[in-house]
Amino acid sequence: MLMALLDIKSKEELASVVETRHWKLLPPDADAKDNEEWIFITNHEASVKSTNIKEKVTFDAMARSAHAFKPSVGRFFIQAPDKQTA
């Protein structure tokens, strides 16, 4: 099944991929009826490094964003009734 997923045509090519990627070809299980070979694919958690992303927020950037939330710009906030109609 792995050979089909990776488009591998021969056992030699599979052995090369297993060696290159540091996978392990496990011996067939003596109790298994299908006699399939299993490949242990290395756990990549140790090799994948997360990145801390920090965003620097400047006053100018905040000022541009804050403009959108001003009551005079839109109807986002509850509007106070006009003094003339109250």
PDB file of N, CA and C in Angstrom:
ATOM      1  N   MET A   1       0.825  -1.190   0.000  1.00  0.00           N
ATOM      2  CA  MET A   1       0.000   0.000   0.000  1.00  0.00           C
ATOM      3  C   MET A   1       0.874   1.261   0.000  1.00  0.00           C
ATOM      4  N   LEU A   2       1.943   1.271   0.804  1.00  0.00           N
ATOM      5  CA  LEU A   2       2.843   2.428   0.838  1.00  0.00           C
ATOM      6  C   LEU A   2       3.493   2.644  -0.522  1.00  0.00           C
ATOM      7  N   MET A   3       3.834   1.549  -1.189  1.00  0.00           N
ATOM      8  CA  MET A   3       4.447   1.672  -2.515  1.00  0.00           C
ATOM      9  C   MET A   3       3.484   2.351  -3.487  1.00  0.00           C
ATOM     10  N   ALA A   4       2.214   2.035  -3.386  1.00  0.00           N
ATOM     11  CA  ALA A   4       1.223   2.662  -4.265  1.00  0.00           C
ATOM     12  C   ALA A   4       1.060   4.141  -3.924  1.00  0.00           C
ATOM     13  N   LEU A   5       1.034   4.468  -2.627  1.00  0.00           N
ATOM     14  CA  LEU A   5       0.879   5.866  -2.226  1.00  0.00           C
ATOM     15  C   LEU A   5       2.057   6.727  -2.661  1.00  0.00           C
ATOM     16  N   LEU A   6       3.262   6.155  -2.598  1.00  0.00           N
ATOM     17  CA  LEU A   6       4.463   6.912  -2.953  1.00  0.00           C
ATOM     18  C   LEU A   6       4.876   6.723  -4.409  1.00  0.00           C
ATOM     19  N   ASP A   7       4.080   5.980  -5.169  1.00  0.00           N
ATOM     20  CA  ASP A   7       4.363   5.688  -6.580  1.00  0.00           C
ATOM     21  C   ASP A   7       5.743   5.050  -6.740  1.00  0.00           C
ATOM     22  N   ILE A   8       5.987   4.019  -5.939  1.00  0.00           N
ATOM     23  CA  ILE A   8       7.246   3.272  -5.987  1.00  0.00           C
ATOM     24  C   ILE A   8       6.988   1.987  -6.759  1.00  0.00           C
ATOM     25  N   LYS A   9       7.877   1.683  -7.718  1.00  0.00           N
ATOM     26  CA  LYS A   9       7.651   0.555  -8.622  1.00  0.00           C
ATOM     27  C   LYS A   9       8.339  -0.738  -8.193  1.00  0.00           C
ATOM     28  N   SER A  10       9.417  -0.651  -7.407  1.00  0.00           N
ATOM     29  CA  SER A  10      10.164  -1.869  -7.076  1.00  0.00           C
ATOM     30  C   SER A  10      10.539  -1.901  -5.601  1.00  0.00           C
ATOM     31  N   LYS A  11      10.879  -3.101  -5.133  1.00  0.00           N
ATOM     32  CA  LYS A  11      11.324  -3.271  -3.740  1.00  0.00           C
ATOM     33  C   LYS A  11      12.646  -2.543  -3.508  1.00  0.00           C
ATOM     34  N   GLU A  12      13.499  -2.484  -4.524  1.00  0.00           N
ATOM     35  CA  GLU A  12      14.782  -1.788  -4.398  1.00  0.00           C
ATOM     36  C   GLU A  12      14.564  -0.288  -4.189  1.00  0.00           C
ATOM     37  N   GLU A  13      13.633   0.266  -4.928  1.00  0.00           N
ATOM     38  CA  GLU A  13      13.312   1.691  -4.776  1.00  0.00           C
ATOM     39  C   GLU A  13      12.713   1.954  -3.390  1.00  0.00           C
ATOM     40  N   LEU A  14      11.882   1.040  -2.909  1.00  0.00           N
ATOM     41  CA  LEU A  14      11.313   1.167  -1.569  1.00  0.00           C
ATOM     42  C   LEU A  14      12.413   1.124  -0.519  1.00  0.00           C
ATOM     43  N   ALA A  15      13.362   0.209  -0.670  1.00  0.00           N
ATOM     44  CA  ALA A  15      14.475   0.109   0.278  1.00  0.00           C
ATOM     45  C   ALA A  15      15.287   1.399   0.293  1.00  0.00           C
ATOM     46  N   SER A  16      15.470   2.012  -0.871  1.00  0.00           N
ATOM     47  CA  SER A  16      16.207   3.268  -0.960  1.00  0.00           C
ATOM     48  C   SER A  16      15.464   4.394  -0.231  1.00  0.00           C
ATOM     49  N   VAL A  17      14.160   4.463  -0.416  1.00  0.00           N
ATOM     50  CA  VAL A  17      13.354   5.491   0.252  1.00  0.00           C
ATOM     51  C   VAL A  17      13.379   5.277   1.760  1.00  0.00           C
ATOM     52  N   VAL A  18      13.251   4.034   2.198  1.00  0.00           N
ATOM     53  CA  VAL A  18      13.273   3.714   3.629  1.00  0.00           C
ATOM     54  C   VAL A  18      14.600   4.141   4.238  1.00  0.00           C
ATOM     55  N   GLU A  19      15.693   3.855   3.550  1.00  0.00           N
ATOM     56  CA  GLU A  19      17.019   4.218   4.063  1.00  0.00           C
ATOM     57  C   GLU A  19      17.218   5.732   4.069  1.00  0.00           C
ATOM     58  N   THR A  20      16.813   6.401   3.019  1.00  0.00           N
ATOM     59  CA  THR A  20      16.987   7.848   2.904  1.00  0.00           C
ATOM     60  C   THR A  20      16.221   8.597   3.989  1.00  0.00           C
ATOM     61  N   ARG A  21      15.031   8.137   4.290  1.00  0.00           N
ATOM     62  CA  ARG A  21      14.176   8.828   5.261  1.00  0.00           C
ATOM     63  C   ARG A  21      14.362   8.326   6.692  1.00  0.00           C
ATOM     64  N   HIS A  22      15.294   7.412   6.876  1.00  0.00           N
ATOM     65  CA  HIS A  22      15.602   6.845   8.196  1.00  0.00           C
ATOM     66  C   HIS A  22      14.396   6.135   8.807  1.00  0.00           C
ATOM     67  N   TRP A  23      13.628   5.452   7.955  1.00  0.00           N
ATOM     68  CA  TRP A  23      12.537   4.623   8.425  1.00  0.00           C
ATOM     69  C   TRP A  23      13.097   3.247   8.738  1.00  0.00           C
ATOM     70  N   LYS A  24      12.301   2.399   9.360  1.00  0.00           N
ATOM     71  CA  LYS A  24      12.756   1.048   9.697  1.00  0.00           C
ATOM     72  C   LYS A  24      11.802   0.027   9.099  1.00  0.00           C
ATOM     73  N   LEU A  25      12.377  -0.930   8.378  1.00  0.00           N
ATOM     74  CA  LEU A  25      11.604  -2.031   7.829  1.00  0.00           C
ATOM     75  C   LEU A  25      11.499  -3.094   8.913  1.00  0.00           C
ATOM     76  N   LEU A  26      10.301  -3.339   9.390  1.00  0.00           N
ATOM     77  CA  LEU A  26      10.089  -4.294  10.471  1.00  0.00           C
ATOM     78  C   LEU A  26       9.896  -5.691   9.898  1.00  0.00           C
ATOM     79  N   PRO A  27      10.389  -6.712  10.598  1.00  0.00           N
ATOM     80  CA  PRO A  27      10.210  -8.084  10.101  1.00  0.00           C
ATOM     81  C   PRO A  27       8.734  -8.475  10.144  1.00  0.00           C
ATOM     82  N   PRO A  28       8.322  -9.356   9.235  1.00  0.00           N
ATOM     83  CA  PRO A  28       6.918  -9.785   9.240  1.00  0.00           C
ATOM     84  C   PRO A  28       6.571 -10.501  10.542  1.00  0.00           C
ATOM     85  N   ASP A  29       5.354 -10.320  10.984  1.00  0.00           N
ATOM     86  CA  ASP A  29       4.877 -10.969  12.205  1.00  0.00           C
ATOM     87  C   ASP A  29       4.630 -12.443  11.911  1.00  0.00           C
ATOM     88  N   ALA A  30       5.173 -13.321  12.740  1.00  0.00           N
ATOM     89  CA  ALA A  30       5.033 -14.763  12.521  1.00  0.00           C
ATOM     90  C   ALA A  30       3.582 -15.207  12.662  1.00  0.00           C
ATOM     91  N   ASP A  31       2.807 -14.509  13.475  1.00  0.00           N
ATOM     92  CA  ASP A  31       1.407 -14.884  13.702  1.00  0.00           C
ATOM     93  C   ASP A  31       0.457 -14.305  12.658  1.00  0.00           C
ATOM     94  N   ALA A  32       0.930 -13.377  11.864  1.00  0.00           N
ATOM     95  CA  ALA A  32       0.058 -12.718  10.885  1.00  0.00           C
ATOM     96  C   ALA A  32      -0.248 -13.656   9.725  1.00  0.00           C
ATOM     97  N   LYS A  33      -1.470 -13.631   9.261  1.00  0.00           N
ATOM     98  CA  LYS A  33      -1.898 -14.494   8.155  1.00  0.00           C
ATOM     99  C   LYS A  33      -1.505 -13.925   6.798  1.00  0.00           C
ATOM    100  N   ASP A  34      -1.433 -12.595   6.703  1.00  0.00           N
ATOM    101  CA  ASP A  34      -1.187 -11.963   5.409  1.00  0.00           C
ATOM    102  C   ASP A  34       0.290 -11.839   5.065  1.00  0.00           C
ATOM    103  N   ASN A  35       1.190 -12.013   6.048  1.00  0.00           N
ATOM    104  CA  ASN A  35       2.640 -11.961   5.832  1.00  0.00           C
ATOM    105  C   ASN A  35       3.090 -10.619   5.245  1.00  0.00           C
ATOM    106  N   GLU A  36       2.428  -9.533   5.650  1.00  0.00           N
ATOM    107  CA  GLU A  36       2.796  -8.201   5.168  1.00  0.00           C
ATOM    108  C   GLU A  36       4.014  -7.678   5.909  1.00  0.00           C
ATOM    109  N   GLU A  37       4.793  -6.851   5.222  1.00  0.00           N
ATOM    110  CA  GLU A  37       5.915  -6.166   5.854  1.00  0.00           C
ATOM    111  C   GLU A  37       5.414  -4.819   6.363  1.00  0.00           C
ATOM    112  N   TRP A  38       5.937  -4.424   7.498  1.00  0.00           N
ATOM    113  CA  TRP A  38       5.557  -3.149   8.088  1.00  0.00           C
ATOM    114  C   TRP A  38       6.759  -2.226   8.095  1.00  0.00           C
ATOM    115  N   ILE A  39       6.498  -0.942   7.920  1.00  0.00           N
ATOM    116  CA  ILE A  39       7.563   0.063   7.948  1.00  0.00           C
ATOM    117  C   ILE A  39       7.248   1.029   9.076  1.00  0.00           C
ATOM    118  N   PHE A  40       8.231   1.203   9.967  1.00  0.00           N
ATOM    119  CA  PHE A  40       8.075   2.176  11.049  1.00  0.00           C
ATOM    120  C   PHE A  40       8.551   3.515  10.529  1.00  0.00           C
ATOM    121  N   ILE A  41       7.647   4.452  10.439  1.00  0.00           N
ATOM    122  CA  ILE A  41       7.982   5.798   9.982  1.00  0.00           C
ATOM    123  C   ILE A  41       8.328   6.615  11.210  1.00  0.00           C
ATOM    124  N   THR A  42       9.487   7.211  11.193  1.00  0.00           N
ATOM    125  CA  THR A  42      10.035   7.917  12.342  1.00  0.00           C
ATOM    126  C   THR A  42       9.072   8.971  12.867  1.00  0.00           C
ATOM    127  N   ASN A  43       9.029   9.089  14.170  1.00  0.00           N
ATOM    128  CA  ASN A  43       8.250  10.128  14.821  1.00  0.00           C
ATOM    129  C   ASN A  43       8.941  11.464  14.551  1.00  0.00           C
ATOM    130  N   HIS A  44       8.228  12.387  13.941  1.00  0.00           N
ATOM    131  CA  HIS A  44       8.835  13.656  13.526  1.00  0.00           C
ATOM    132  C   HIS A  44       8.668  14.773  14.549  1.00  0.00           C
ATOM    133  N   GLU A  45       8.063  14.490  15.689  1.00  0.00           N
ATOM    134  CA  GLU A  45       7.845  15.544  16.677  1.00  0.00           C
ATOM    135  C   GLU A  45       9.155  16.152  17.163  1.00  0.00           C
ATOM    136  N   ALA A  46      10.182  15.324  17.299  1.00  0.00           N
ATOM    137  CA  ALA A  46      11.464  15.825  17.798  1.00  0.00           C
ATOM    138  C   ALA A  46      12.191  16.660  16.747  1.00  0.00           C
ATOM    139  N   SER A  47      11.932  16.387  15.465  1.00  0.00           N
ATOM    140  CA  SER A  47      12.658  17.101  14.416  1.00  0.00           C
ATOM    141  C   SER A  47      11.937  18.358  13.930  1.00  0.00           C
ATOM    142  N   VAL A  48      10.665  18.494  14.243  1.00  0.00           N
ATOM    143  CA  VAL A  48       9.911  19.670  13.825  1.00  0.00           C
ATOM    144  C   VAL A  48       9.993  20.708  14.935  1.00  0.00           C
ATOM    145  N   LYS A  49      10.428  21.885  14.577  1.00  0.00           N
ATOM    146  CA  LYS A  49      10.584  22.946  15.566  1.00  0.00           C
ATOM    147  C   LYS A  49       9.487  23.983  15.370  1.00  0.00           C
ATOM    148  N   SER A  50       8.858  24.323  16.454  1.00  0.00           N
ATOM    149  CA  SER A  50       7.836  25.360  16.371  1.00  0.00           C
ATOM    150  C   SER A  50       8.511  26.727  16.407  1.00  0.00           C
ATOM    151  N   THR A  51       7.821  27.689  15.900  1.00  0.00           N
ATOM    152  CA  THR A  51       8.345  29.047  15.858  1.00  0.00           C
ATOM    153  C   THR A  51       7.427  29.947  16.668  1.00  0.00           C
ATOM    154  N   ASN A  52       8.018  30.699  17.539  1.00  0.00           N
ATOM    155  CA  ASN A  52       7.233  31.688  18.273  1.00  0.00           C
ATOM    156  C   ASN A  52       7.093  32.918  17.394  1.00  0.00           C
ATOM    157  N   ILE A  53       5.871  33.301  17.157  1.00  0.00           N
ATOM    158  CA  ILE A  53       5.617  34.452  16.298  1.00  0.00           C
ATOM    159  C   ILE A  53       5.283  35.639  17.188  1.00  0.00           C
ATOM    160  N   LYS A  54       6.038  36.683  17.018  1.00  0.00           N
ATOM    161  CA  LYS A  54       5.793  37.903  17.780  1.00  0.00           C
ATOM    162  C   LYS A  54       5.442  39.009  16.797  1.00  0.00           C
ATOM    163  N   GLU A  55       4.428  39.732  17.124  1.00  0.00           N
ATOM    164  CA  GLU A  55       4.004  40.827  16.261  1.00  0.00           C
ATOM    165  C   GLU A  55       4.238  42.131  17.002  1.00  0.00           C
ATOM    166  N   LYS A  56       4.934  43.004  16.350  1.00  0.00           N
ATOM    167  CA  LYS A  56       5.200  44.297  16.953  1.00  0.00           C
ATOM    168  C   LYS A  56       4.081  45.246  16.534  1.00  0.00           C
ATOM    169  N   VAL A  57       3.379  45.768  17.519  1.00  0.00           N
ATOM    170  CA  VAL A  57       2.267  46.667  17.258  1.00  0.00           C
ATOM    171  C   VAL A  57       2.728  48.082  17.564  1.00  0.00           C
ATOM    172  N   THR A  58       2.603  48.934  16.578  1.00  0.00           N
ATOM    173  CA  THR A  58       3.009  50.321  16.763  1.00  0.00           C
ATOM    174  C   THR A  58       1.783  51.177  17.059  1.00  0.00           C
ATOM    175  N   PHE A  59       2.028  52.339  17.575  1.00  0.00           N
ATOM    176  CA  PHE A  59       0.940  53.269  17.869  1.00  0.00           C
ATOM    177  C   PHE A  59       0.195  53.641  16.594  1.00  0.00           C
ATOM    178  N   ASP A  60       0.933  53.854  15.497  1.00  0.00           N
ATOM    179  CA  ASP A  60       0.291  54.232  14.235  1.00  0.00           C
ATOM    180  C   ASP A  60      -0.647  53.131  13.743  1.00  0.00           C
ATOM    181  N   ALA A  61      -0.211  51.894  13.877  1.00  0.00           N
ATOM    182  CA  ALA A  61      -1.052  50.779  13.439  1.00  0.00           C
ATOM    183  C   ALA A  61      -2.320  50.700  14.281  1.00  0.00           C
ATOM    184  N   MET A  62      -2.193  50.908  15.567  1.00  0.00           N
ATOM    185  CA  MET A  62      -3.361  50.883  16.448  1.00  0.00           C
ATOM    186  C   MET A  62      -4.294  52.057  16.154  1.00  0.00           C
ATOM    187  N   ALA A  63      -3.730  53.207  15.839  1.00  0.00           N
ATOM    188  CA  ALA A  63      -4.551  54.384  15.544  1.00  0.00           C
ATOM    189  C   ALA A  63      -5.390  54.145  14.289  1.00  0.00           C
ATOM    190  N   ARG A  64      -4.805  53.519  13.267  1.00  0.00           N
ATOM    191  CA  ARG A  64      -5.559  53.225  12.043  1.00  0.00           C
ATOM    192  C   ARG A  64      -6.681  52.231  12.331  1.00  0.00           C
ATOM    193  N   SER A  65      -6.418  51.234  13.168  1.00  0.00           N
ATOM    194  CA  SER A  65      -7.437  50.238  13.493  1.00  0.00           C
ATOM    195  C   SER A  65      -8.527  50.830  14.365  1.00  0.00           C
ATOM    196  N   ALA A  66      -8.154  51.664  15.301  1.00  0.00           N
ATOM    197  CA  ALA A  66      -9.120  52.235  16.235  1.00  0.00           C
ATOM    198  C   ALA A  66     -10.113  53.145  15.524  1.00  0.00           C
ATOM    199  N   HIS A  67      -9.713  53.749  14.427  1.00  0.00           N
ATOM    200  CA  HIS A  67     -10.591  54.652  13.677  1.00  0.00           C
ATOM    201  C   HIS A  67     -11.870  53.931  13.238  1.00  0.00           C
ATOM    202  N   ALA A  68     -11.766  52.662  12.925  1.00  0.00           N
ATOM    203  CA  ALA A  68     -12.927  51.909  12.446  1.00  0.00           C
ATOM    204  C   ALA A  68     -13.974  51.712  13.530  1.00  0.00           C
ATOM    205  N   PHE A  69     -13.585  51.822  14.783  1.00  0.00           N
ATOM    206  CA  PHE A  69     -14.518  51.576  15.875  1.00  0.00           C
ATOM    207  C   PHE A  69     -15.079  52.852  16.504  1.00  0.00           C
ATOM    208  N   LYS A  70     -14.819  53.977  15.887  1.00  0.00           N
ATOM    209  CA  LYS A  70     -15.375  55.228  16.404  1.00  0.00           C
ATOM    210  C   LYS A  70     -16.868  55.251  16.120  1.00  0.00           C
ATOM    211  N   PRO A  71     -17.681  55.686  17.084  1.00  0.00           N
ATOM    212  CA  PRO A  71     -19.133  55.739  16.857  1.00  0.00           C
ATOM    213  C   PRO A  71     -19.522  56.615  15.676  1.00  0.00           C
ATOM    214  N   SER A  72     -18.728  57.632  15.380  1.00  0.00           N
ATOM    215  CA  SER A  72     -19.083  58.530  14.280  1.00  0.00           C
ATOM    216  C   SER A  72     -18.845  57.888  12.916  1.00  0.00           C
ATOM    217  N   VAL A  73     -18.064  56.822  12.880  1.00  0.00           N
ATOM    218  CA  VAL A  73     -17.728  56.197  11.600  1.00  0.00           C
ATOM    219  C   VAL A  73     -18.814  55.231  11.152  1.00  0.00           C
ATOM    220  N   GLY A  74     -19.364  54.489  12.076  1.00  0.00           N
ATOM    221  CA  GLY A  74     -20.361  53.501  11.679  1.00  0.00           C
ATOM    222  C   GLY A  74     -21.371  53.262  12.771  1.00  0.00           C
ATOM    223  N   ARG A  75     -22.222  52.317  12.586  1.00  0.00           N
ATOM    224  CA  ARG A  75     -23.278  51.989  13.538  1.00  0.00           C
ATOM    225  C   ARG A  75     -22.890  50.794  14.401  1.00  0.00           C
ATOM    226  N   PHE A  76     -21.598  50.610  14.634  1.00  0.00           N
ATOM    227  CA  PHE A  76     -21.124  49.481  15.432  1.00  0.00           C
ATOM    228  C   PHE A  76     -21.576  49.609  16.879  1.00  0.00           C
ATOM    229  N   PHE A  77     -21.503  50.796  17.418  1.00  0.00           N
ATOM    230  CA  PHE A  77     -21.873  51.035  18.812  1.00  0.00           C
ATOM    231  C   PHE A  77     -23.338  51.452  18.911  1.00  0.00           C
ATOM    232  N   ILE A  78     -23.909  51.302  20.081  1.00  0.00           N
ATOM    233  CA  ILE A  78     -25.277  51.760  20.325  1.00  0.00           C
ATOM    234  C   ILE A  78     -25.270  53.283  20.266  1.00  0.00           C
ATOM    235  N   GLN A  79     -26.147  53.802  19.479  1.00  0.00           N
ATOM    236  CA  GLN A  79     -26.193  55.245  19.286  1.00  0.00           C
ATOM    237  C   GLN A  79     -27.059  55.901  20.365  1.00  0.00           C
ATOM    238  N   ALA A  80     -26.597  57.005  20.879  1.00  0.00           N
ATOM    239  CA  ALA A  80     -27.383  57.785  21.846  1.00  0.00           C
ATOM    240  C   ALA A  80     -28.442  58.560  21.078  1.00  0.00           C
ATOM    241  N   PRO A  81     -29.623  58.689  21.639  1.00  0.00           N
ATOM    242  CA  PRO A  81     -30.663  59.455  20.937  1.00  0.00           C
ATOM    243  C   PRO A  81     -30.271  60.924  20.846  1.00  0.00           C
ATOM    244  N   ASP A  82     -30.695  61.538  19.770  1.00  0.00           N
ATOM    245  CA  ASP A  82     -30.433  62.969  19.602  1.00  0.00           C
ATOM    246  C   ASP A  82     -31.152  63.741  20.697  1.00  0.00           C
ATOM    247  N   LYS A  83     -30.528  64.826  21.138  1.00  0.00           N
ATOM    248  CA  LYS A  83     -31.127  65.652  22.196  1.00  0.00           C
ATOM    249  C   LYS A  83     -32.406  66.324  21.703  1.00  0.00           C
ATOM    250  N   GLN A  84     -32.479  66.586  20.402  1.00  0.00           N
ATOM    251  CA  GLN A  84     -33.652  67.276  19.870  1.00  0.00           C
ATOM    252  C   GLN A  84     -34.880  66.375  19.868  1.00  0.00           C
ATOM    253  N   THR A  85     -34.694  65.058  19.641  1.00  0.00           N
ATOM    254  CA  THR A  85     -35.841  64.156  19.562  1.00  0.00           C
ATOM    255  C   THR A  85     -36.221  63.585  20.916  1.00  0.00           C
ATOM    256  N   ALA A  86     -35.370  63.707  21.905  1.00  0.00           N
ATOM    257  CA  ALA A  86     -35.660  63.117  23.220  1.00  0.00           C
ATOM    258  C   ALA A  86     -36.550  63.984  24.044  1.00  0.00           C
TER     259      ALA A  86
END
